[in-house]
Amino acid sequence: KTATSKVDDVIKYVRENHPYDVAEVISFKIDNGNPPYLKWIDEVVGTK
């Protein structure tokens, strides 16, 4: 779980640290969620 703005960072980190030749990294945007939980994501990953 992350901010959409961090997905490229997630992909880069996984590609650099995953042992598979072709690591599966796929993402989906969250259309809706519990606002306090989403705010917590922002606080943890430093987007807000």
All heavy atoms as atom14 arrays in JSON, in Angstrom:
{
  "sequence": "KTATSKVDDVIKYVRENHPYDVAEVISFKIDNGNPPYLKWIDEVVGTK",
  "atom14_mask": [
    [1, 1, 1, 1, 1, 1, 1, 1, 1, 0, 0, 0, 0, 0],
    [1, 1, 1, 1, 1, 1, 1, 0, 0, 0, 0, 0, 0, 0],
    [1, 1, 1, 1, 1, 0, 0, 0, 0, 0, 0, 0, 0, 0],
    [1, 1, 1, 1, 1, 1, 1, 0, 0, 0, 0, 0, 0, 0],
    [1, 1, 1, 1, 1, 1, 0, 0, 0, 0, 0, 0, 0, 0],
    [1, 1, 1, 1, 1, 1, 1, 1, 1, 0, 0, 0, 0, 0],
    [1, 1, 1, 1, 1, 1, 1, 0, 0, 0, 0, 0, 0, 0],
    [1, 1, 1, 1, 1, 1, 1, 1, 0, 0, 0, 0, 0, 0],
    [1, 1, 1, 1, 1, 1, 1, 1, 0, 0, 0, 0, 0, 0],
    [1, 1, 1, 1, 1, 1, 1, 0, 0, 0, 0, 0, 0, 0],
    [1, 1, 1, 1, 1, 1, 1, 1, 0, 0, 0, 0, 0, 0],
    [1, 1, 1, 1, 1, 1, 1, 1, 1, 0, 0, 0, 0, 0],
    [1, 1, 1, 1, 1, 1, 1, 1, 1, 1, 1, 1, 0, 0],
    [1, 1, 1, 1, 1, 1, 1, 0, 0, 0, 0, 0, 0, 0],
    [1, 1, 1, 1, 1, 1, 1, 1, 1, 1, 1, 0, 0, 0],
    [1, 1, 1, 1, 1, 1, 1, 1, 1, 0, 0, 0, 0, 0],
    [1, 1, 1, 1, 1, 1, 1, 1, 0, 0, 0, 0, 0, 0],
    [1, 1, 1, 1, 1, 1, 1, 1, 1, 1, 0, 0, 0, 0],
    [1, 1, 1, 1, 1, 1, 1, 0, 0, 0, 0, 0, 0, 0],
    [1, 1, 1, 1, 1, 1, 1, 1, 1, 1, 1, 1, 0, 0],
    [1, 1, 1, 1, 1, 1, 1, 1, 0, 0, 0, 0, 0, 0],
    [1, 1, 1, 1, 1, 1, 1, 0, 0, 0, 0, 0, 0, 0],
    [1, 1, 1, 1, 1, 0, 0, 0, 0, 0, 0, 0, 0, 0],
    [1, 1, 1, 1, 1, 1, 1, 1, 1, 0, 0, 0, 0, 0],
    [1, 1, 1, 1, 1, 1, 1, 0, 0, 0, 0, 0, 0, 0],
    [1, 1, 1, 1, 1, 1, 1, 1, 0, 0, 0, 0, 0, 0],
    [1, 1, 1, 1, 1, 1, 0, 0, 0, 0, 0, 0, 0, 0],
    [1, 1, 1, 1, 1, 1, 1, 1, 1, 1, 1, 0, 0, 0],
    [1, 1, 1, 1, 1, 1, 1, 1, 1, 0, 0, 0, 0, 0],
    [1, 1, 1, 1, 1, 1, 1, 1, 0, 0, 0, 0, 0, 0],
    [1, 1, 1, 1, 1, 1, 1, 1, 0, 0, 0, 0, 0, 0],
    [1, 1, 1, 1, 1, 1, 1, 1, 0, 0, 0, 0, 0, 0],
    [1, 1, 1, 1, 0, 0, 0, 0, 0, 0, 0, 0, 0, 0],
    [1, 1, 1, 1, 1, 1, 1, 1, 0, 0, 0, 0, 0, 0],
    [1, 1, 1, 1, 1, 1, 1, 0, 0, 0, 0, 0, 0, 0],
    [1, 1, 1, 1, 1, 1, 1, 0, 0, 0, 0, 0, 0, 0],
    [1, 1, 1, 1, 1, 1, 1, 1, 1, 1, 1, 1, 0, 0],
    [1, 1, 1, 1, 1, 1, 1, 1, 0, 0, 0, 0, 0, 0],
    [1, 1, 1, 1, 1, 1, 1, 1, 1, 0, 0, 0, 0, 0],
    [1, 1, 1, 1, 1, 1, 1, 1, 1, 1, 1, 1, 1, 1],
    [1, 1, 1, 1, 1, 1, 1, 1, 0, 0, 0, 0, 0, 0],
    [1, 1, 1, 1, 1, 1, 1, 1, 0, 0, 0, 0, 0, 0],
    [1, 1, 1, 1, 1, 1, 1, 1, 1, 0, 0, 0, 0, 0],
    [1, 1, 1, 1, 1, 1, 1, 0, 0, 0, 0, 0, 0, 0],
    [1, 1, 1, 1, 1, 1, 1, 0, 0, 0, 0, 0, 0, 0],
    [1, 1, 1, 1, 0, 0, 0, 0, 0, 0, 0, 0, 0, 0],
    [1, 1, 1, 1, 1, 1, 1, 0, 0, 0, 0, 0, 0, 0],
    [1, 1, 1, 1, 1, 1, 1, 1, 1, 0, 0, 0, 0, 0]
  ],
  "atom14_positions": [
    [[0.84, -1.19, 0.0], [0.0, 0.0, 0.0], [0.88, 1.24, 0.0], [1.78, 1.37, 0.83], [-0.93, 0.03, 1.22], [-2.18, -0.82, 1.05], [-1.93, -2.27, 1.3], [-1.63, -2.51, 2.73], [-1.77, -3.78, 3.29], [0.0, 0.0, 0.0], [0.0, 0.0, 0.0], [0.0, 0.0, 0.0], [0.0, 0.0, 0.0], [0.0, 0.0, 0.0]],
    [[0.6, 2.15, -0.95], [1.45, 3.32, -1.11], [0.67, 4.45, -1.77], [-0.48, 4.27, -2.17], [2.71, 2.96, -1.92], [3.63, 4.03, -1.85], [2.38, 2.63, -3.37], [0.0, 0.0, 0.0], [0.0, 0.0, 0.0], [0.0, 0.0, 0.0], [0.0, 0.0, 0.0], [0.0, 0.0, 0.0], [0.0, 0.0, 0.0], [0.0, 0.0, 0.0]],
    [[1.32, 5.58, -1.92], [0.78, 6.68, -2.71], [1.09, 6.39, -4.17], [2.13, 5.82, -4.5], [1.42, 8.0, -2.28], [0.0, 0.0, 0.0], [0.0, 0.0, 0.0], [0.0, 0.0, 0.0], [0.0, 0.0, 0.0], [0.0, 0.0, 0.0], [0.0, 0.0, 0.0], [0.0, 0.0, 0.0], [0.0, 0.0, 0.0], [0.0, 0.0, 0.0]],
    [[0.18, 6.77, -5.05], [0.39, 6.54, -6.48], [1.69, 7.19, -6.95], [2.41, 6.62, -7.79], [-0.81, 7.06, -7.28], [-1.98, 6.33, -6.85], [-0.64, 6.86, -8.77], [0.0, 0.0, 0.0], [0.0, 0.0, 0.0], [0.0, 0.0, 0.0], [0.0, 0.0, 0.0], [0.0, 0.0, 0.0], [0.0, 0.0, 0.0], [0.0, 0.0, 0.0]],
    [[2.03, 8.32, -6.39], [3.27, 9.01, -6.77], [4.52, 8.22, -6.39], [5.61, 8.52, -6.87], [3.32, 10.39, -6.13], [3.35, 10.29, -4.71], [0.0, 0.0, 0.0], [0.0, 0.0, 0.0], [0.0, 0.0, 0.0], [0.0, 0.0, 0.0], [0.0, 0.0, 0.0], [0.0, 0.0, 0.0], [0.0, 0.0, 0.0], [0.0, 0.0, 0.0]],
    [[4.38, 7.19, -5.56], [5.52, 6.37, -5.13], [5.63, 5.04, -5.88], [6.57, 4.28, -5.64], [5.4, 6.07, -3.63], [5.5, 7.28, -2.73], [6.93, 7.71, -2.57], [7.09, 8.75, -1.49], [8.47, 8.89, -1.07], [0.0, 0.0, 0.0], [0.0, 0.0, 0.0], [0.0, 0.0, 0.0], [0.0, 0.0, 0.0], [0.0, 0.0, 0.0]],
    [[4.69, 4.75, -6.77], [4.7, 3.45, -7.45], [5.98, 3.25, -8.25], [6.56, 2.16, -8.24], [3.44, 3.27, -8.32], [3.56, 2.04, -9.23], [2.2, 3.16, -7.44], [0.0, 0.0, 0.0], [0.0, 0.0, 0.0], [0.0, 0.0, 0.0], [0.0, 0.0, 0.0], [0.0, 0.0, 0.0], [0.0, 0.0, 0.0], [0.0, 0.0, 0.0]],
    [[6.46, 4.27, -8.94], [7.71, 4.11, -9.7], [8.88, 3.79, -8.77], [9.76, 3.0, -9.12], [8.02, 5.37, -10.51], [7.11, 5.52, -11.73], [6.5, 4.51, -12.15], [7.02, 6.63, -12.25], [0.0, 0.0, 0.0], [0.0, 0.0, 0.0], [0.0, 0.0, 0.0], [0.0, 0.0, 0.0], [0.0, 0.0, 0.0], [0.0, 0.0, 0.0]],
    [[8.88, 4.36, -7.56], [9.92, 4.04, -6.57], [9.81, 2.58, -6.12], [10.82, 1.9, -5.93], [9.82, 4.95, -5.34], [10.09, 6.41, -5.68], [10.84, 6.68, -6.63], [9.55, 7.28, -4.97], [0.0, 0.0, 0.0], [0.0, 0.0, 0.0], [0.0, 0.0, 0.0], [0.0, 0.0, 0.0], [0.0, 0.0, 0.0], [0.0, 0.0, 0.0]],
    [[8.57, 2.11, -5.94], [8.34, 0.71, -5.57], [8.89, -0.2, -6.67], [9.63, -1.16, -6.4], [6.84, 0.43, -5.33], [6.57, -1.07, -5.22], [6.34, 1.16, -4.09], [0.0, 0.0, 0.0], [0.0, 0.0, 0.0], [0.0, 0.0, 0.0], [0.0, 0.0, 0.0], [0.0, 0.0, 0.0], [0.0, 0.0, 0.0], [0.0, 0.0, 0.0]],
    [[8.56, 0.09, -7.92], [9.02, -0.73, -9.04], [10.55, -0.75, -9.09], [11.16, -1.82, -9.23], [8.42, -0.22, -10.36], [6.91, -0.44, -10.38], [9.09, -0.9, -11.57], [6.18, 0.29, -11.5], [0.0, 0.0, 0.0], [0.0, 0.0, 0.0], [0.0, 0.0, 0.0], [0.0, 0.0, 0.0], [0.0, 0.0, 0.0], [0.0, 0.0, 0.0]],
    [[11.16, 0.4, -8.98], [12.63, 0.49, -9.03], [13.26, -0.32, -7.89], [14.19, -1.1, -8.11], [13.06, 1.96, -8.94], [14.56, 2.18, -9.06], [14.86, 3.69, -9.02], [16.3, 4.02, -9.27], [17.22, 3.61, -8.27], [0.0, 0.0, 0.0], [0.0, 0.0, 0.0], [0.0, 0.0, 0.0], [0.0, 0.0, 0.0], [0.0, 0.0, 0.0]],
    [[12.73, -0.16, -6.67], [13.28, -0.89, -5.52], [13.17, -2.4, -5.73], [14.12, -3.15, -5.49], [12.59, -0.47, -4.22], [13.18, -1.14, -3.02], [14.26, -0.57, -2.36], [12.71, -2.36, -2.56], [14.85, -1.2, -1.27], [13.28, -2.99, -1.48], [14.35, -2.41, -0.84], [14.94, -3.04, 0.24], [0.0, 0.0, 0.0], [0.0, 0.0, 0.0]],
    [[12.0, -2.84, -6.17], [11.79, -4.28, -6.37], [12.73, -4.8, -7.47], [13.38, -5.83, -7.29], [10.32, -4.6, -6.69], [10.15, -6.06, -7.12], [9.44, -4.3, -5.48], [0.0, 0.0, 0.0], [0.0, 0.0, 0.0], [0.0, 0.0, 0.0], [0.0, 0.0, 0.0], [0.0, 0.0, 0.0], [0.0, 0.0, 0.0], [0.0, 0.0, 0.0]],
    [[12.83, -4.09, -8.57], [13.7, -4.55, -9.66], [15.15, -4.66, -9.21], [15.88, -5.55, -9.64], [13.58, -3.61, -10.86], [12.22, -3.76, -11.56], [12.14, -2.92, -12.78], [13.02, -3.48, -13.8], [13.3, -2.88, -14.93], [12.79, -1.72, -15.21], [14.09, -3.45, -15.8], [0.0, 0.0, 0.0], [0.0, 0.0, 0.0], [0.0, 0.0, 0.0]],
    [[15.58, -3.74, -8.33], [16.97, -3.75, -7.87], [17.23, -4.81, -6.79], [18.38, -5.17, -6.55], [17.34, -2.37, -7.32], [17.45, -1.31, -8.4], [17.65, 0.09, -7.86], [17.56, 0.3, -6.62], [17.89, 1.0, -8.67], [0.0, 0.0, 0.0], [0.0, 0.0, 0.0], [0.0, 0.0, 0.0], [0.0, 0.0, 0.0], [0.0, 0.0, 0.0]],
    [[16.18, -5.3, -6.12], [16.38, -6.19, -4.97], [15.71, -7.55, -5.1], [15.84, -8.37, -4.2], [15.86, -5.49, -3.7], [16.7, -4.29, -3.35], [17.78, -4.43, -2.79], [16.24, -3.1, -3.71], [0.0, 0.0, 0.0], [0.0, 0.0, 0.0], [0.0, 0.0, 0.0], [0.0, 0.0, 0.0], [0.0, 0.0, 0.0], [0.0, 0.0, 0.0]],
    [[15.01, -7.8, -6.17], [14.29, -9.05, -6.37], [15.17, -10.03, -7.14], [15.85, -9.65, -8.09], [13.01, -8.75, -7.17], [11.97, -9.81, -7.09], [12.14, -11.06, -7.62], [10.73, -9.78, -6.54], [11.04, -11.77, -7.41], [10.17, -11.01, -6.76], [0.0, 0.0, 0.0], [0.0, 0.0, 0.0], [0.0, 0.0, 0.0], [0.0, 0.0, 0.0]],
    [[15.2, -11.3, -6.75], [16.09, -12.26, -7.42], [15.6, -12.76, -8.78], [16.39, -13.33, -9.53], [16.16, -13.42, -6.41], [14.86, -13.36, -5.68], [14.53, -11.89, -5.58], [0.0, 0.0, 0.0], [0.0, 0.0, 0.0], [0.0, 0.0, 0.0], [0.0, 0.0, 0.0], [0.0, 0.0, 0.0], [0.0, 0.0, 0.0], [0.0, 0.0, 0.0]],
    [[14.32, -12.59, -9.11], [13.82, -13.09, -10.4], [14.38, -12.26, -11.55], [14.58, -11.05, -11.41], [12.3, -13.02, -10.46], [11.52, -13.95, -9.57], [12.14, -14.81, -8.66], [10.14, -13.95, -9.61], [11.4, -15.65, -7.85], [9.39, -14.78, -8.8], [10.02, -15.63, -7.92], [9.27, -16.44, -7.12], [0.0, 0.0, 0.0], [0.0, 0.0, 0.0]],
    [[14.58, -12.9, -12.7], [15.0, -12.18, -13.91], [13.95, -11.14, -14.3], [14.29, -10.03, -14.71], [15.2, -13.14, -15.08], [16.41, -14.05, -14.87], [17.33, -13.68, -14.11], [16.42, -15.15, -15.47], [0.0, 0.0, 0.0], [0.0, 0.0, 0.0], [0.0, 0.0, 0.0], [0.0, 0.0, 0.0], [0.0, 0.0, 0.0], [0.0, 0.0, 0.0]],
    [[12.69, -11.53, -14.21], [11.57, -10.62, -14.52], [10.63, -10.64, -13.32], [9.8, -11.53, -13.18], [10.82, -11.07, -15.8], [9.65, -10.12, -16.09], [11.77, -11.13, -16.99], [0.0, 0.0, 0.0], [0.0, 0.0, 0.0], [0.0, 0.0, 0.0], [0.0, 0.0, 0.0], [0.0, 0.0, 0.0], [0.0, 0.0, 0.0], [0.0, 0.0, 0.0]],
    [[10.79, -9.66, -12.46], [9.95, -9.6, -11.25], [8.57, -9.07, -11.61], [8.42, -8.11, -12.37], [10.6, -8.68, -10.22], [0.0, 0.0, 0.0], [0.0, 0.0, 0.0], [0.0, 0.0, 0.0], [0.0, 0.0, 0.0], [0.0, 0.0, 0.0], [0.0, 0.0, 0.0], [0.0, 0.0, 0.0], [0.0, 0.0, 0.0], [0.0, 0.0, 0.0]],
    [[7.56, -9.72, -11.05], [6.2, -9.23, -11.21], [6.0, -8.04, -10.28], [6.14, -8.15, -9.06], [5.18, -10.31, -10.85], [3.76, -9.8, -10.87], [2.74, -10.82, -10.39], [3.13, -11.95, -10.03], [1.55, -10.48, -10.37], [0.0, 0.0, 0.0], [0.0, 0.0, 0.0], [0.0, 0.0, 0.0], [0.0, 0.0, 0.0], [0.0, 0.0, 0.0]],
    [[5.7, -6.88, -10.85], [5.32, -5.7, -10.09], [4.2, -5.06, -10.88], [4.43, -4.5, -11.96], [6.46, -4.68, -9.91], [6.03, -3.58, -8.96], [7.74, -5.33, -9.44], [0.0, 0.0, 0.0], [0.0, 0.0, 0.0], [0.0, 0.0, 0.0], [0.0, 0.0, 0.0], [0.0, 0.0, 0.0], [0.0, 0.0, 0.0], [0.0, 0.0, 0.0]],
    [[2.98, -5.18, -10.37], [1.84, -4.54, -11.01], [1.1, -3.73, -9.96], [1.15, -4.06, -8.77], [0.9, -5.58, -11.68], [0.42, -6.62, -10.67], [1.6, -6.27, -12.85], [-0.62, -7.58, -11.21], [0.0, 0.0, 0.0], [0.0, 0.0, 0.0], [0.0, 0.0, 0.0], [0.0, 0.0, 0.0], [0.0, 0.0, 0.0], [0.0, 0.0, 0.0]],
    [[0.45, -2.67, -10.4], [-0.25, -1.83, -9.42], [-1.63, -1.42, -9.95], [-1.87, -1.41, -11.17], [0.57, -0.59, -9.08], [0.62, 0.29, -10.18], [0.0, 0.0, 0.0], [0.0, 0.0, 0.0], [0.0, 0.0, 0.0], [0.0, 0.0, 0.0], [0.0, 0.0, 0.0], [0.0, 0.0, 0.0], [0.0, 0.0, 0.0], [0.0, 0.0, 0.0]],
    [[-2.47, -1.09, -9.0], [-3.82, -0.63, -9.28], [-4.11, 0.57, -8.4], [-3.73, 0.59, -7.23], [-4.85, -1.73, -8.95], [-4.6, -3.02, -9.68], [-3.83, -4.02, -9.11], [-5.12, -3.22, -10.93], [-3.59, -5.2, -9.77], [-4.88, -4.4, -11.62], [-4.12, -5.4, -11.03], [0.0, 0.0, 0.0], [0.0, 0.0, 0.0], [0.0, 0.0, 0.0]],
    [[-4.78, 1.56, -8.97], [-5.17, 2.72, -8.17], [-6.35, 2.36, -7.29], [-7.22, 1.58, -7.67], [-5.52, 3.89, -9.08], [-4.29, 4.45, -9.77], [-4.63, 5.65, -10.61], [-3.35, 6.16, -11.25], [-3.6, 7.26, -12.17], [0.0, 0.0, 0.0], [0.0, 0.0, 0.0], [0.0, 0.0, 0.0], [0.0, 0.0, 0.0], [0.0, 0.0, 0.0]],
    [[-6.35, 2.92, -6.09], [-7.44, 2.74, -5.14], [-8.49, 3.79, -5.45], [-8.2, 4.99, -5.41], [-6.93, 2.86, -3.69], [-5.9, 1.77, -3.39], [-8.1, 2.83, -2.7], [-5.17, 1.96, -2.07], [0.0, 0.0, 0.0], [0.0, 0.0, 0.0], [0.0, 0.0, 0.0], [0.0, 0.0, 0.0], [0.0, 0.0, 0.0], [0.0, 0.0, 0.0]],
    [[-9.71, 3.36, -5.76], [-10.78, 4.3, -6.08], [-11.39, 4.95, -4.84], [-11.89, 6.07, -4.91], [-11.91, 3.6, -6.86], [-11.49, 3.26, -8.28], [-10.64, 3.98, -8.83], [-12.02, 2.28, -8.83], [0.0, 0.0, 0.0], [0.0, 0.0, 0.0], [0.0, 0.0, 0.0], [0.0, 0.0, 0.0], [0.0, 0.0, 0.0], [0.0, 0.0, 0.0]],
    [[-11.36, 4.23, -3.73], [-11.99, 4.74, -2.52], [-11.41, 3.98, -1.34], [-10.91, 2.87, -1.49], [-13.51, 4.55, -2.59], [-14.26, 5.51, -1.72], [-13.67, 6.23, -0.91], [-15.58, 5.54, -1.87], [0.0, 0.0, 0.0], [0.0, 0.0, 0.0], [0.0, 0.0, 0.0], [0.0, 0.0, 0.0], [0.0, 0.0, 0.0], [0.0, 0.0, 0.0]],
    [[-11.47, 4.59, -0.17], [-10.96, 3.93, 1.02], [-11.29, 4.72, 2.27], [-11.81, 5.84, 2.2], [0.0, 0.0, 0.0], [0.0, 0.0, 0.0], [0.0, 0.0, 0.0], [0.0, 0.0, 0.0], [0.0, 0.0, 0.0], [0.0, 0.0, 0.0], [0.0, 0.0, 0.0], [0.0, 0.0, 0.0], [0.0, 0.0, 0.0], [0.0, 0.0, 0.0]],
    [[-10.96, 4.16, 3.4], [-11.18, 4.8, 4.68], [-10.28, 6.05, 4.78], [-9.04, 5.9, 4.8], [-10.86, 3.8, 5.8], [-11.04, 4.37, 7.18], [-11.71, 5.39, 7.37], [-10.46, 3.71, 8.17], [0.0, 0.0, 0.0], [0.0, 0.0, 0.0], [0.0, 0.0, 0.0], [0.0, 0.0, 0.0], [0.0, 0.0, 0.0], [0.0, 0.0, 0.0]],
    [[-10.84, 7.26, 4.81], [-10.02, 8.47, 4.79], [-8.9, 8.51, 5.84], [-7.77, 8.89, 5.5], [-11.03, 9.61, 4.97], [-12.28, 9.06, 4.35], [-12.27, 7.6, 4.74], [0.0, 0.0, 0.0], [0.0, 0.0, 0.0], [0.0, 0.0, 0.0], [0.0, 0.0, 0.0], [0.0, 0.0, 0.0], [0.0, 0.0, 0.0], [0.0, 0.0, 0.0]],
    [[-9.13, 8.1, 7.09], [-8.02, 8.11, 8.04], [-6.88, 7.16, 7.64], [-5.71, 7.46, 7.86], [-8.65, 7.68, 9.37], [-10.08, 8.05, 9.23], [-10.4, 7.82, 7.78], [0.0, 0.0, 0.0], [0.0, 0.0, 0.0], [0.0, 0.0, 0.0], [0.0, 0.0, 0.0], [0.0, 0.0, 0.0], [0.0, 0.0, 0.0], [0.0, 0.0, 0.0]],
    [[-7.21, 6.03, 7.04], [-6.18, 5.09, 6.59], [-5.38, 5.7, 5.44], [-4.16, 5.63, 5.41], [-6.81, 3.76, 6.16], [-5.78, 2.71, 5.8], [-5.14, 1.98, 6.78], [-5.44, 2.48, 4.47], [-4.17, 1.02, 6.45], [-4.49, 1.53, 4.13], [-3.87, 0.81, 5.13], [-2.91, -0.12, 4.79], [0.0, 0.0, 0.0], [0.0, 0.0, 0.0]],
    [[-6.07, 6.31, 4.49], [-5.39, 6.93, 3.35], [-4.51, 8.09, 3.81], [-3.39, 8.25, 3.32], [-6.42, 7.4, 2.33], [-7.31, 6.3, 1.74], [-8.36, 6.89, 0.81], [-6.5, 5.23, 1.03], [0.0, 0.0, 0.0], [0.0, 0.0, 0.0], [0.0, 0.0, 0.0], [0.0, 0.0, 0.0], [0.0, 0.0, 0.0], [0.0, 0.0, 0.0]],
    [[-4.99, 8.84, 4.78], [-4.18, 9.94, 5.35], [-2.91, 9.36, 5.99], [-1.82, 9.92, 5.86], [-5.0, 10.71, 6.37], [-4.26, 11.86, 7.02], [-5.15, 12.6, 8.01], [-4.34, 13.69, 8.67], [-4.4, 13.65, 10.1], [0.0, 0.0, 0.0], [0.0, 0.0, 0.0], [0.0, 0.0, 0.0], [0.0, 0.0, 0.0], [0.0, 0.0, 0.0]],
    [[-3.07, 8.23, 6.68], [-1.92, 7.57, 7.31], [-0.89, 7.17, 6.25], [0.31, 7.33, 6.46], [-2.41, 6.37, 8.11], [-1.3, 5.5, 8.62], [-0.48, 5.74, 9.69], [-0.87, 4.26, 8.06], [0.43, 4.71, 9.82], [0.2, 3.8, 8.84], [-1.31, 3.49, 6.99], [0.85, 2.6, 8.57], [-0.66, 2.3, 6.71], [0.41, 1.86, 7.52]],
    [[-1.35, 6.64, 5.11], [-0.42, 6.3, 4.02], [0.4, 7.53, 3.64], [1.62, 7.47, 3.54], [-1.16, 5.73, 2.8], [-1.74, 4.35, 3.1], [-0.21, 5.64, 1.58], [-2.63, 3.79, 1.99], [0.0, 0.0, 0.0], [0.0, 0.0, 0.0], [0.0, 0.0, 0.0], [0.0, 0.0, 0.0], [0.0, 0.0, 0.0], [0.0, 0.0, 0.0]],
    [[-0.29, 8.67, 3.45], [0.4, 9.92, 3.1], [1.46, 10.27, 4.14], [2.58, 10.65, 3.81], [-0.58, 11.09, 3.02], [-1.35, 11.12, 1.72], [-0.79, 10.72, 0.69], [-2.5, 11.59, 1.74], [0.0, 0.0, 0.0], [0.0, 0.0, 0.0], [0.0, 0.0, 0.0], [0.0, 0.0, 0.0], [0.0, 0.0, 0.0], [0.0, 0.0, 0.0]],
    [[1.08, 10.17, 5.41], [2.0, 10.55, 6.48], [3.23, 9.64, 6.51], [4.35, 10.1, 6.69], [1.29, 10.52, 7.83], [0.26, 11.64, 7.96], [-0.59, 11.53, 9.22], [-0.47, 10.52, 9.96], [-1.4, 12.45, 9.45], [0.0, 0.0, 0.0], [0.0, 0.0, 0.0], [0.0, 0.0, 0.0], [0.0, 0.0, 0.0], [0.0, 0.0, 0.0]],
    [[3.02, 8.35, 6.31], [4.13, 7.4, 6.38], [5.09, 7.54, 5.2], [6.3, 7.57, 5.38], [3.62, 5.94, 6.49], [4.76, 4.95, 6.36], [2.89, 5.74, 7.81], [0.0, 0.0, 0.0], [0.0, 0.0, 0.0], [0.0, 0.0, 0.0], [0.0, 0.0, 0.0], [0.0, 0.0, 0.0], [0.0, 0.0, 0.0], [0.0, 0.0, 0.0]],
    [[4.55, 7.65, 3.99], [5.42, 7.72, 2.82], [5.88, 9.15, 2.52], [6.69, 9.37, 1.63], [4.8, 7.07, 1.56], [4.51, 5.61, 1.8], [3.57, 7.82, 1.08], [0.0, 0.0, 0.0], [0.0, 0.0, 0.0], [0.0, 0.0, 0.0], [0.0, 0.0, 0.0], [0.0, 0.0, 0.0], [0.0, 0.0, 0.0], [0.0, 0.0, 0.0]],
    [[5.37, 10.11, 3.29], [5.85, 11.48, 3.18], [5.31, 12.27, 2.01], [5.95, 13.21, 1.56], [0.0, 0.0, 0.0], [0.0, 0.0, 0.0], [0.0, 0.0, 0.0], [0.0, 0.0, 0.0], [0.0, 0.0, 0.0], [0.0, 0.0, 0.0], [0.0, 0.0, 0.0], [0.0, 0.0, 0.0], [0.0, 0.0, 0.0], [0.0, 0.0, 0.0]],
    [[4.11, 11.91, 1.54], [3.55, 12.65, 0.41], [2.76, 13.88, 0.87], [2.56, 14.8, 0.09], [2.64, 11.76, -0.46], [1.68, 11.13, 0.36], [3.48, 10.73, -1.21], [0.0, 0.0, 0.0], [0.0, 0.0, 0.0], [0.0, 0.0, 0.0], [0.0, 0.0, 0.0], [0.0, 0.0, 0.0], [0.0, 0.0, 0.0], [0.0, 0.0, 0.0]],
    [[2.3, 13.88, 2.1], [1.61, 15.04, 2.65], [2.08, 15.24, 4.08], [2.34, 14.28, 4.79], [0.1, 14.84, 2.6], [-0.43, 14.83, 1.18], [-1.92, 14.81, 1.13], [-2.36, 14.77, -0.34], [-3.75, 14.43, -0.49], [0.0, 0.0, 0.0], [0.0, 0.0, 0.0], [0.0, 0.0, 0.0], [0.0, 0.0, 0.0], [0.0, 0.0, 0.0]]
  ]
}
